[in-house]
Amino acid sequence: MSSPTRKDIGEKPAGPAVGDRNAPAQTSSRPEIDAFLRKVKDLGPAVTAGRRGRLIFALDATMSRQPTWDSACALQADMFREAAAIGGLDIQLVYFRGLNECRASGWVAGSDKLASLMGAIDCRGGHTQIGRVLGHARSEHKRQPVQALVFVGDAMEEGIDDLAAAAGELGLLGVPVFMFQEGGDPVAEAAYREIARLSRGAYCRFDTGSAAQLAELLRAVAAYAAGGIKALTALSSRQSGGARALLLQLTS
């Protein structure tokens, strides 16, 4: 297992299309959460028998995320704990910030290692680099299968055609992208929904008042990446509304 040392990844995509990060937020309704959770069964088995699942957890660390960065650190730790309870999941942290900084950690199994790494990251001004994240996921999957990519962000400032092409390729490779949007930027929402659709993943929106809801959904994705539909169904049976919603979305 490699250490969580950070490394630079990819090339910066061109073509910014800047949206309004300060638009009024509307969180996902219960039916939307249920739809989110309905999509997972179509993905089939997530992990080959005898192999550990691999999940990429990507974050926008630009300045607009600063107010919720601490809560994001807590949420990922919660997600790792759920995965550890299931067993068999390695997680890689990817984040972007600044003018041209996009980094990835090594693959690790313990939440304490990545929590420590996240604690050393501060948010910096800059544009989104979602294209680099998608390209990195493709490269990692070609080296060794990746079961899912989770992205948490609040904006999109890139060319949508390039992002759609990259998401479609991940869909063909069997790497679903789970897009979690903070806030209500309509440009980001349209792009995030399209990335989720083309990759055969799912989309959901949250705000600072729905952190518990996001944590529940992240735990469900971790369960899927670690143990496939069987693990997700088991989590759902433990009265997890998030797992039930994800299960419903992935089986629709």
Foldseek 3Di string as FASTA:
>chain_A
DDAFDKDFFDFFADAFDWFDLPPFFDFDDLVQLLLQLQLAVLLPALDDPPAAFEEEEEEEQAPVCQVCLVLVLVLVLLLLVLLVVVDRYWYKYWYDADATGIIITDTDNHSVRVSVVSVVDHHHHYADRVLRVLVVQVVVCVVPNHREYEYEEATGTHDLVSLLVSLLVLLVSSYAYEYEHEGDTPVVVVSSQSSRVNNSHGYTYDYPVCSVLVSLLSNLVSQCRGTNPVSLVVVVVVVRSSSSSSNNNSND
